[in-house]
Amino acid sequence: MRFAFIIFALLIFTGCKDDDPNPDPNPQPDTTFMRGADLSFLPEIETYPITFTDTEGNEKDMLTILKEAGCNTVRLRLWHTPATGHSGLDEVAAFSQRIKAAGLKVYITVHFSDTWADPGQQATPAAWQGLTLAQLRDSVYSYTTRIVTRIKPDYISLGNEINGGILWETGRIDNGSNFFQLLGQAVQATRKASSTTKIIIHYGGLDGAEGFFNQIRTYNIGYDIMGISYYPYWHGKDLSTVQNTLNGLYVEFGKPLLVAETAYPFTLDWADWTNNLIGLEAQLIPEYPATPQGQLDFMLALRTITESIDNGAGFCYWGGDYVAFKGPQAKDGSSWENQALFDFDFHALPVMQVFHE
């Protein structure tokens, strides 16, 4: 039965497009160790009268501060048709050009949705509602081609934390082969549009990661880097388990491994009236208090873990820009300002040291 299942899966993909889903089965490894930060909020933040300062107190724009600290990659989310325009293709493409001009690599994470996509939600864009599977395959292929052709990113994550698939309900991972067909289309489009863009497959958390990537392998999905989200509160507080899990994934699949999302609080206080996701001592790793030094120590420990993996690809800090930019009274502000890379006065925190080369 297993043999027949694999043959069936291969037949599906040979019928999707004429191109091999991974025309370069042995792509040249990217030797860059990513020291990245997700700055997806920054274009919106820059419309507010906020001044950022580096660790020495010098006023600079955030991108410059990160670059000078040693950050070498900027990650940006991409929504299909966002209600506000923020994180849409026009904004992301324009910001990507700024990032490249600053000498940094561009890492795009495609949500295949008009809003947040993660293990708990993968809503199909409004423009694609009601499409058949065949139409969704074509839409994914065309959309991905447009993204890669326009932005030419160094890295692209085809979906964000796609534990349960993409484009629900059609593309749920437990809905037959639909998810793998759709993901295969995104891979094919990327390969055809760019010979240099590295493909990341991004899973949220540690539990279930091996089974997920085993399915990706079974369906012959070509990619370059395994991406894993790791937040202590959601994914476990034992860093030895993190190291063992990441090492095990590399041994099993032989792909470079990236901690695609992580963060840690420098305080349990708040700077606006939007509820923060982390605000209790019980949510912390006891060895790493919610202080500027505790935030730095946690990140240094996690960086050490990624560097210890035979083919560790690096790390990317999420929400480093997500300060309380709408002001202290905002009830629709930041739920993350106590985990940002800047304090409540928009002064760069000691955690910037984790980006040093």
Protein backbone atom coordinates (compact mmCIF):
# COMPACT_ATOMS: atom_id res chain seq x y z
CA MET A 1 0.00 0.00 0.00
CA ARG A 2 2.82 2.43 0.85
CA PHE A 3 4.42 1.81 -2.59
CA ALA A 4 1.13 2.44 -4.36
CA PHE A 5 0.58 5.59 -2.32
CA ILE A 6 3.96 7.01 -3.36
CA ILE A 7 3.33 6.20 -7.03
CA PHE A 8 -0.04 7.96 -6.77
CA ALA A 9 1.58 11.04 -5.27
CA LEU A 10 4.20 11.17 -8.02
CA LEU A 11 1.56 10.90 -10.72
CA ILE A 12 -0.30 13.84 -9.20
CA PHE A 13 2.72 16.09 -9.45
CA THR A 14 3.81 15.11 -12.93
CA GLY A 15 0.38 16.30 -14.03
CA CYS A 16 0.49 19.69 -12.30
CA LYS A 17 3.04 21.39 -14.56
CA ASP A 18 5.57 20.29 -17.12
CA ASP A 19 8.43 21.52 -14.94
CA ASP A 20 10.22 19.37 -12.37
CA PRO A 21 9.07 20.60 -8.90
CA ASN A 22 12.74 20.80 -7.95
CA PRO A 23 14.81 21.13 -11.16
CA ASP A 24 18.00 21.45 -9.12
CA PRO A 25 17.82 18.51 -6.67
CA ASN A 26 21.22 19.44 -5.26
CA PRO A 27 21.23 23.23 -5.03
CA GLN A 28 24.40 24.92 -3.87
CA PRO A 29 24.28 25.39 -0.10
CA ASP A 30 23.91 28.92 1.24
CA THR A 31 26.77 29.34 3.68
CA THR A 32 25.32 32.53 5.16
CA PHE A 33 24.41 32.14 8.82
CA MET A 34 21.21 34.16 9.07
CA ARG A 35 21.14 36.75 11.85
CA GLY A 36 17.70 38.00 10.98
CA ALA A 37 14.87 40.15 12.27
CA ASP A 38 11.26 40.38 11.12
CA LEU A 39 10.51 44.07 10.52
CA SER A 40 7.10 43.70 8.87
CA PHE A 41 5.52 46.47 10.95
CA LEU A 42 8.21 49.02 10.15
CA PRO A 43 6.64 50.66 7.05
CA GLU A 44 3.53 51.38 9.13
CA ILE A 45 5.53 52.45 12.18
CA GLU A 46 7.47 54.94 10.08
CA THR A 47 4.24 56.84 9.40
CA TYR A 48 4.18 57.81 13.10
CA PRO A 49 6.41 60.50 14.68
CA ILE A 50 8.76 58.10 16.44
CA THR A 51 12.52 58.46 16.84
CA PHE A 52 14.70 55.43 17.43
CA THR A 53 18.13 55.44 19.03
CA ASP A 54 20.92 52.87 18.97
CA THR A 55 22.57 51.42 22.06
CA GLU A 56 24.81 54.52 22.28
CA GLY A 57 21.85 56.90 22.20
CA ASN A 58 22.34 58.09 18.60
CA GLU A 59 19.18 58.84 16.62
CA LYS A 60 18.96 56.62 13.53
CA ASP A 61 16.33 54.81 11.53
CA MET A 62 15.59 51.29 12.68
CA LEU A 63 16.98 49.60 9.58
CA THR A 64 20.35 51.32 10.06
CA ILE A 65 20.45 50.39 13.75
CA LEU A 66 19.85 46.72 12.94
CA LYS A 67 22.40 46.71 10.12
CA GLU A 68 25.08 48.31 12.31
CA ALA A 69 24.34 45.81 15.08
CA GLY A 70 25.18 42.95 12.72
CA CYS A 71 21.75 41.89 11.46
CA ASN A 72 22.20 40.53 7.93
CA THR A 73 18.65 39.57 6.90
CA VAL A 74 15.23 41.21 7.17
CA ARG A 75 12.10 39.10 7.11
CA LEU A 76 8.81 40.53 5.80
CA ARG A 77 5.34 38.97 5.82
CA LEU A 78 3.27 39.22 2.66
CA TRP A 79 -0.52 39.22 2.66
CA HIS A 80 -2.50 38.80 -0.56
CA THR A 81 -5.00 41.68 -0.29
CA PRO A 82 -4.75 43.18 3.22
CA ALA A 83 -7.55 45.51 4.32
CA THR A 84 -5.16 48.39 5.09
CA GLY A 85 -2.60 47.83 2.36
CA HIS A 86 0.10 47.18 4.95
CA SER A 87 2.03 43.97 4.20
CA GLY A 88 0.59 43.94 0.68
CA LEU A 89 2.76 43.33 -2.37
CA ASP A 90 3.34 47.00 -3.23
CA GLU A 91 4.51 47.89 0.28
CA VAL A 92 6.62 44.76 0.67
CA ALA A 93 8.26 45.17 -2.74
CA ALA A 94 9.16 48.80 -2.03
CA PHE A 95 10.56 48.01 1.42
CA SER A 96 12.51 45.08 -0.03
CA GLN A 97 14.35 47.50 -2.30
CA ARG A 98 15.34 49.60 0.72
CA ILE A 99 16.57 46.51 2.51
CA LYS A 100 18.69 45.45 -0.46
CA ALA A 101 20.06 48.98 -0.83
CA ALA A 102 21.16 48.78 2.81
CA GLY A 103 23.20 45.68 2.00
CA LEU A 104 20.87 43.23 3.74
CA LYS A 105 19.24 40.04 2.48
CA VAL A 106 15.48 39.86 1.95
CA TYR A 107 13.42 37.02 3.41
CA ILE A 108 9.75 36.97 2.33
CA THR A 109 7.19 34.86 4.14
CA VAL A 110 4.09 34.36 2.00
CA HIS A 111 0.95 33.92 4.08
CA PHE A 112 -1.32 32.90 1.15
CA SER A 113 -4.05 34.83 2.97
CA ASP A 114 -5.35 38.37 3.37
CA THR A 115 -4.42 38.30 7.05
CA TRP A 116 -2.46 36.30 9.63
CA ALA A 117 -1.77 32.67 8.73
CA ASP A 118 -0.46 30.26 11.37
CA PRO A 119 -1.26 26.77 12.74
CA GLY A 120 -4.70 27.95 13.84
CA GLN A 121 -5.78 29.88 10.75
CA GLN A 122 -5.04 29.66 7.03
CA ALA A 123 -7.92 31.58 5.48
CA THR A 124 -8.08 31.60 1.69
CA PRO A 125 -7.80 35.13 0.22
CA ALA A 126 -11.14 36.70 -0.65
CA ALA A 127 -10.10 36.88 -4.32
CA TRP A 128 -9.71 33.09 -4.40
CA GLN A 129 -12.87 32.14 -2.52
CA GLY A 130 -14.93 29.51 -4.33
CA LEU A 131 -12.16 28.39 -6.69
CA THR A 132 -11.74 24.74 -7.55
CA LEU A 133 -8.55 22.90 -6.64
CA ALA A 134 -7.30 23.23 -10.22
CA GLN A 135 -7.98 26.96 -10.18
CA LEU A 136 -6.25 27.34 -6.82
CA ARG A 137 -3.19 25.52 -8.18
CA ASP A 138 -3.01 27.97 -11.07
CA SER A 139 -3.57 30.93 -8.75
CA VAL A 140 -0.80 29.83 -6.39
CA TYR A 141 1.57 29.34 -9.32
CA SER A 142 0.83 32.73 -10.88
CA TYR A 143 0.90 34.61 -7.57
CA THR A 144 4.18 33.05 -6.47
CA THR A 145 5.72 33.81 -9.86
CA ARG A 146 4.67 37.44 -9.52
CA ILE A 147 6.18 37.71 -6.05
CA VAL A 148 9.53 36.16 -6.92
CA THR A 149 9.85 38.00 -10.24
CA ARG A 150 9.10 41.38 -8.68
CA ILE A 151 11.00 41.13 -5.39
CA LYS A 152 13.75 38.60 -6.20
CA PRO A 153 14.11 37.63 -2.54
CA ASP A 154 17.13 35.83 -1.15
CA TYR A 155 14.80 33.57 0.85
CA ILE A 156 11.11 32.80 0.54
CA SER A 157 8.92 30.90 2.97
CA LEU A 158 6.08 29.30 1.01
CA GLY A 159 3.43 29.63 3.68
CA ASN A 160 3.72 30.66 7.31
CA GLU A 161 3.67 27.94 9.99
CA ILE A 162 1.90 25.55 7.65
CA ASN A 163 1.43 22.72 10.16
CA GLY A 164 -2.17 22.28 9.02
CA GLY A 165 -1.73 23.20 5.38
CA ILE A 166 -2.66 26.37 3.46
CA LEU A 167 -5.78 27.80 1.81
CA TRP A 168 -8.33 26.20 4.08
CA GLU A 169 -10.59 24.31 3.62
CA THR A 170 -9.35 23.00 0.29
CA GLY A 171 -5.70 22.95 1.28
CA ARG A 172 -5.91 21.42 4.73
CA ILE A 173 -3.09 18.96 5.27
CA ASP A 174 -5.56 16.19 6.09
CA ASN A 175 -7.63 16.83 2.96
CA GLY A 176 -6.03 14.22 0.73
CA SER A 177 -3.16 15.43 -1.44
CA ASN A 178 -4.58 18.95 -1.96
CA PHE A 179 -2.10 20.75 0.29
CA PHE A 180 0.89 19.05 -1.30
CA GLN A 181 -0.36 19.87 -4.80
CA LEU A 182 -0.73 23.54 -3.86
CA LEU A 183 2.65 23.71 -2.13
CA GLY A 184 4.24 21.93 -5.09
CA GLN A 185 2.90 24.66 -7.39
CA ALA A 186 4.51 27.35 -5.23
CA VAL A 187 7.83 25.48 -5.32
CA GLN A 188 7.71 25.07 -9.10
CA ALA A 189 6.91 28.74 -9.60
CA THR A 190 9.78 29.84 -7.37
CA ARG A 191 12.30 27.56 -9.08
CA LYS A 192 11.27 28.77 -12.53
CA ALA A 193 11.32 32.47 -11.59
CA SER A 194 14.65 32.40 -9.73
CA SER A 195 17.69 30.16 -9.63
CA THR A 196 19.03 31.82 -6.48
CA THR A 197 16.06 32.24 -4.13
CA LYS A 198 16.24 29.71 -1.29
CA ILE A 199 12.94 28.02 -0.41
CA ILE A 200 12.03 27.65 3.27
CA ILE A 201 9.31 25.29 4.48
CA HIS A 202 8.14 26.70 7.81
CA TYR A 203 6.63 24.63 10.64
CA GLY A 204 5.39 26.17 13.88
CA GLY A 205 6.88 24.48 16.95
CA LEU A 206 8.72 21.27 17.78
CA ASP A 207 6.01 18.66 18.37
CA GLY A 208 5.03 16.98 15.13
CA ALA A 209 7.81 18.55 13.08
CA GLU A 210 9.41 15.24 12.09
CA GLY A 211 6.12 13.79 10.89
CA PHE A 212 5.34 16.95 8.93
CA PHE A 213 8.67 17.04 7.12
CA ASN A 214 8.41 13.33 6.46
CA GLN A 215 5.16 13.99 4.58
CA ILE A 216 6.90 16.78 2.65
CA ARG A 217 9.57 14.25 1.68
CA THR A 218 7.02 11.58 0.75
CA TYR A 219 5.33 13.96 -1.67
CA ASN A 220 8.70 14.96 -3.17
CA ILE A 221 8.37 18.66 -2.33
CA GLY A 222 11.65 20.38 -3.19
CA TYR A 223 12.99 22.95 -0.73
CA ASP A 224 16.28 24.23 0.67
CA ILE A 225 15.84 25.06 4.36
CA MET A 226 13.70 23.70 7.19
CA GLY A 227 12.18 26.56 9.20
CA ILE A 228 10.98 26.08 12.78
CA SER A 229 9.23 28.55 15.09
CA TYR A 230 10.33 28.38 18.71
CA TYR A 231 8.73 30.40 21.50
CA PRO A 232 9.28 29.03 25.03
CA TYR A 233 5.75 29.68 26.25
CA TRP A 234 4.11 27.79 23.39
CA HIS A 235 6.74 25.23 22.49
CA GLY A 236 8.45 24.24 25.75
CA LYS A 237 10.96 25.76 28.14
CA ASP A 238 13.71 23.12 28.02
CA LEU A 239 16.45 24.33 25.68
CA SER A 240 18.08 20.89 25.70
CA THR A 241 14.89 19.54 24.13
CA VAL A 242 15.10 22.28 21.52
CA GLN A 243 18.68 21.32 20.68
CA ASN A 244 17.90 17.60 20.54
CA THR A 245 14.86 18.16 18.33
CA LEU A 246 16.69 20.40 15.88
CA ASN A 247 19.65 18.04 15.73
CA GLY A 248 17.28 15.13 15.12
CA LEU A 249 15.57 16.97 12.25
CA TYR A 250 18.90 17.68 10.58
CA VAL A 251 20.06 14.07 10.96
CA GLU A 252 16.80 12.75 9.54
CA PHE A 253 16.35 15.15 6.61
CA GLY A 254 19.81 16.58 5.95
CA LYS A 255 18.54 20.10 5.29
CA PRO A 256 19.90 23.34 6.76
CA LEU A 257 17.78 24.30 9.75
CA LEU A 258 16.57 27.81 10.60
CA VAL A 259 14.83 29.07 13.73
CA ALA A 260 12.48 31.13 11.61
CA GLU A 261 10.69 32.83 14.50
CA THR A 262 11.57 33.44 18.13
CA ALA A 263 11.39 36.22 20.73
CA TYR A 264 11.72 36.83 24.46
CA PRO A 265 10.54 39.61 26.82
CA PHE A 266 12.83 42.19 28.40
CA THR A 267 10.09 43.15 30.87
CA LEU A 268 6.61 42.07 31.98
CA ASP A 269 5.42 45.69 32.01
CA TRP A 270 3.51 47.30 29.16
CA ALA A 271 3.58 50.58 27.24
CA ASP A 272 0.06 50.75 25.80
CA TRP A 273 -3.41 49.47 26.64
CA THR A 274 -3.31 46.55 24.22
CA ASN A 275 -3.06 43.22 26.04
CA ASN A 276 0.36 41.63 25.66
CA LEU A 277 0.71 37.95 24.80
CA ILE A 278 3.46 37.47 27.41
CA GLY A 279 3.02 39.08 30.82
CA LEU A 280 3.39 36.46 33.55
CA GLU A 281 6.39 34.96 35.32
CA ALA A 282 4.94 31.51 34.65
CA GLN A 283 5.41 32.08 30.92
CA LEU A 284 9.18 32.50 31.27
CA ILE A 285 12.10 30.10 31.40
CA PRO A 286 13.21 30.45 35.05
CA GLU A 287 16.88 30.84 34.10
CA TYR A 288 16.03 33.81 31.88
CA PRO A 289 14.13 36.56 33.71
CA ALA A 290 12.18 39.22 31.83
CA THR A 291 14.99 41.78 31.96
CA PRO A 292 17.18 43.27 29.23
CA GLN A 293 19.97 40.92 30.30
CA GLY A 294 17.62 37.93 30.47
CA GLN A 295 16.38 38.66 26.94
CA LEU A 296 19.97 38.84 25.67
CA ASP A 297 21.04 35.68 27.51
CA PHE A 298 18.10 33.71 26.10
CA MET A 299 18.90 34.80 22.56
CA LEU A 300 22.59 34.06 22.95
CA ALA A 301 21.73 30.57 24.21
CA LEU A 302 19.41 29.97 21.26
CA ARG A 303 22.00 31.26 18.81
CA THR A 304 24.53 28.86 20.31
CA ILE A 305 22.10 26.01 19.71
CA THR A 306 21.60 26.95 16.06
CA GLU A 307 25.35 27.30 15.56
CA SER A 308 25.96 23.87 17.10
CA ILE A 309 23.83 22.10 14.48
CA ASP A 310 25.99 20.70 11.67
CA ASN A 311 24.11 22.73 9.07
CA GLY A 312 22.44 25.40 11.17
CA ALA A 313 21.10 28.15 8.92
CA GLY A 314 20.59 30.77 11.65
CA PHE A 315 17.79 32.51 13.48
CA CYS A 316 15.24 35.27 12.91
CA TYR A 317 13.81 37.43 15.70
CA TRP A 318 10.07 38.06 15.32
CA GLY A 319 8.40 41.35 16.27
CA GLY A 320 11.64 43.18 16.97
CA ASP A 321 10.03 46.30 15.52
CA TYR A 322 6.63 45.82 17.20
CA VAL A 323 6.92 48.68 19.68
CA ALA A 324 3.93 50.59 21.13
CA PHE A 325 3.99 52.95 18.16
CA LYS A 326 0.37 54.12 18.47
CA GLY A 327 0.92 55.69 21.88
CA PRO A 328 0.26 54.72 25.51
CA GLN A 329 -3.53 54.95 25.27
CA ALA A 330 -3.89 52.69 22.23
CA LYS A 331 -6.18 49.70 22.63
CA ASP A 332 -5.31 48.52 19.11
CA GLY A 333 -1.56 48.96 19.46
CA SER A 334 1.14 46.36 20.10
CA SER A 335 0.65 43.07 21.90
CA TRP A 336 4.41 42.57 21.76
CA GLU A 337 6.15 45.78 22.88
CA ASN A 338 7.75 44.03 25.86
CA GLN A 339 9.40 41.56 23.46
CA ALA A 340 10.70 44.09 20.94
CA LEU A 341 14.34 44.89 20.29
CA PHE A 342 13.74 48.44 21.58
CA ASP A 343 12.59 49.59 25.01
CA PHE A 344 9.55 51.73 25.72
CA ASP A 345 11.56 54.88 24.86
CA PHE A 346 12.52 53.31 21.50
CA HIS A 347 16.13 52.86 22.60
CA ALA A 348 17.94 49.77 21.28
CA LEU A 349 18.27 47.04 23.92
CA PRO A 350 21.34 44.95 24.79
CA VAL A 351 19.82 42.02 22.86
CA MET A 352 21.20 43.71 19.74
CA GLN A 353 24.47 41.97 20.61
CA VAL A 354 23.03 38.67 19.38
CA PHE A 355 23.35 39.98 15.81
CA HIS A 356 27.10 40.59 16.06
CA GLU A 357 29.01 38.66 13.42
